[in-house]
């Protein structure tokens, strides 16, 4: 192999290593973002469940009023 071919190979390898490093950083950022979104999703589910329970209670009260009417 000539020196020129080795230099080209080295440049391609370095470019690949740089790309892999950037992709790993992006994956880490996406994992963090996913974790934050998962927490937010859990909070929204809890709020949704609370609203459903409040609605059930109110509907139960309406049913009681209609039974006594």
C-alpha atoms as a PDB file:
ATOM      1  CA  UNK A   1       0.000   0.000   0.000  1.00  0.00           C
ATOM      2  CA  UNK A   2       1.182   3.427  -0.751  1.00  0.00           C
ATOM      3  CA  UNK A   3       1.362   6.208   1.815  1.00  0.00           C
ATOM      4  CA  UNK A   4      -1.448   8.071   0.012  1.00  0.00           C
ATOM      5  CA  UNK A   5      -3.824   5.124   0.386  1.00  0.00           C
ATOM      6  CA  UNK A   6      -3.014   4.865   4.093  1.00  0.00           C
ATOM      7  CA  UNK A   7      -3.684   8.576   4.582  1.00  0.00           C
ATOM      8  CA  UNK A   8      -7.073   8.238   2.865  1.00  0.00           C
ATOM      9  CA  UNK A   9      -7.906   5.213   4.977  1.00  0.00           C
ATOM     10  CA  UNK A  10      -6.895   7.060   8.130  1.00  0.00           C
ATOM     11  CA  UNK A  11      -9.079  10.034   7.155  1.00  0.00           C
ATOM     12  CA  UNK A  12     -12.068   7.758   6.542  1.00  0.00           C
ATOM     13  CA  UNK A  13     -11.539   5.990   9.856  1.00  0.00           C
ATOM     14  CA  UNK A  14     -11.292   9.317  11.693  1.00  0.00           C
ATOM     15  CA  UNK A  15     -14.462  10.537   9.977  1.00  0.00           C
ATOM     16  CA  UNK A  16     -16.241   7.345  11.047  1.00  0.00           C
ATOM     17  CA  UNK A  17     -15.017   7.734  14.642  1.00  0.00           C
ATOM     18  CA  UNK A  18     -16.184  11.361  14.686  1.00  0.00           C
ATOM     19  CA  UNK A  19     -19.587  10.377  13.313  1.00  0.00           C
ATOM     20  CA  UNK A  20     -19.948   7.612  15.894  1.00  0.00           C
ATOM     21  CA  UNK A  21     -19.059  10.038  18.692  1.00  0.00           C
ATOM     22  CA  UNK A  22     -21.640  12.548  17.498  1.00  0.00           C
ATOM     23  CA  UNK A  23     -24.281   9.846  17.206  1.00  0.00           C
ATOM     24  CA  UNK A  24     -23.512   8.613  20.727  1.00  0.00           C
ATOM     25  CA  UNK A  25     -23.967  12.142  22.077  1.00  0.00           C
ATOM     26  CA  UNK A  26     -27.244  12.428  20.195  1.00  0.00           C
ATOM     27  CA  UNK A  27     -28.430   9.105  21.614  1.00  0.00           C
ATOM     28  CA  UNK A  28     -27.595  10.297  25.137  1.00  0.00           C
ATOM     29  CA  UNK A  29     -29.526  13.528  24.588  1.00  0.00           C
ATOM     30  CA  UNK A  30     -32.502  11.609  23.219  1.00  0.00           C
ATOM     31  CA  UNK A  31     -32.442   9.259  26.213  1.00  0.00           C
ATOM     32  CA  UNK A  32     -32.543  12.250  28.559  1.00  0.00           C
ATOM     33  CA  UNK A  33     -35.375  13.809  26.584  1.00  0.00           C
ATOM     34  CA  UNK A  34     -37.239  10.506  26.589  1.00  0.00           C
ATOM     35  CA  UNK A  35     -36.869  10.284  30.360  1.00  0.00           C
ATOM     36  CA  UNK A  36     -38.283  13.785  30.812  1.00  0.00           C
ATOM     37  CA  UNK A  37     -41.188  13.020  28.479  1.00  0.00           C
ATOM     38  CA  UNK A  38     -41.876   9.774  30.302  1.00  0.00           C
ATOM     39  CA  UNK A  39     -42.100  11.658  33.605  1.00  0.00           C
ATOM     40  CA  UNK A  40     -44.427  14.199  32.038  1.00  0.00           C
ATOM     41  CA  UNK A  41     -46.553  11.413  30.595  1.00  0.00           C
ATOM     42  CA  UNK A  42     -46.846   9.796  34.037  1.00  0.00           C
ATOM     43  CA  UNK A  43     -47.947  13.113  35.544  1.00  0.00           C
ATOM     44  CA  UNK A  44     -50.553  13.571  32.833  1.00  0.00           C
ATOM     45  CA  UNK A  45     -51.856  10.045  33.386  1.00  0.00           C
ATOM     46  CA  UNK A  46     -52.191  10.756  37.106  1.00  0.00           C
ATOM     47  CA  UNK A  47     -54.075  13.969  36.375  1.00  0.00           C
ATOM     48  CA  UNK A  48     -56.301  12.119  33.932  1.00  0.00           C
ATOM     49  CA  UNK A  49     -57.064   9.436  36.513  1.00  0.00           C
ATOM     50  CA  UNK A  50     -57.849  12.102  39.125  1.00  0.00           C
ATOM     51  CA  UNK A  51     -60.258  13.846  36.756  1.00  0.00           C
ATOM     52  CA  UNK A  52     -61.953  10.562  35.929  1.00  0.00           C
ATOM     53  CA  UNK A  53     -62.422   9.831  39.627  1.00  0.00           C
ATOM     54  CA  UNK A  54     -63.851  13.305  40.256  1.00  0.00           C
ATOM     55  CA  UNK A  55     -66.230  12.811  37.350  1.00  0.00           C
ATOM     56  CA  UNK A  56     -67.359   9.428  38.716  1.00  0.00           C
ATOM     57  CA  UNK A  57     -68.054  11.028  42.094  1.00  0.00           C
ATOM     58  CA  UNK A  58     -70.068  13.829  40.509  1.00  0.00           C
ATOM     59  CA  UNK A  59     -72.039  11.399  38.365  1.00  0.00           C
ATOM     60  CA  UNK A  60     -72.712   9.325  41.474  1.00  0.00           C
ATOM     61  CA  UNK A  61     -74.085  12.402  43.233  1.00  0.00           C
ATOM     62  CA  UNK A  62     -76.305  13.172  40.236  1.00  0.00           C
ATOM     63  CA  UNK A  63     -77.615   9.596  40.315  1.00  0.00           C
ATOM     64  CA  UNK A  64     -78.400   9.936  44.041  1.00  0.00           C
ATOM     65  CA  UNK A  65     -80.302  13.161  43.438  1.00  0.00           C
ATOM     66  CA  UNK A  66     -82.301  11.552  40.617  1.00  0.00           C
ATOM     67  CA  UNK A  67     -83.124   8.525  42.829  1.00  0.00           C
ATOM     68  CA  UNK A  68     -84.484  10.754  45.586  1.00  0.00           C
ATOM     69  CA  UNK A  69     -86.478  12.923  43.202  1.00  0.00           C
END
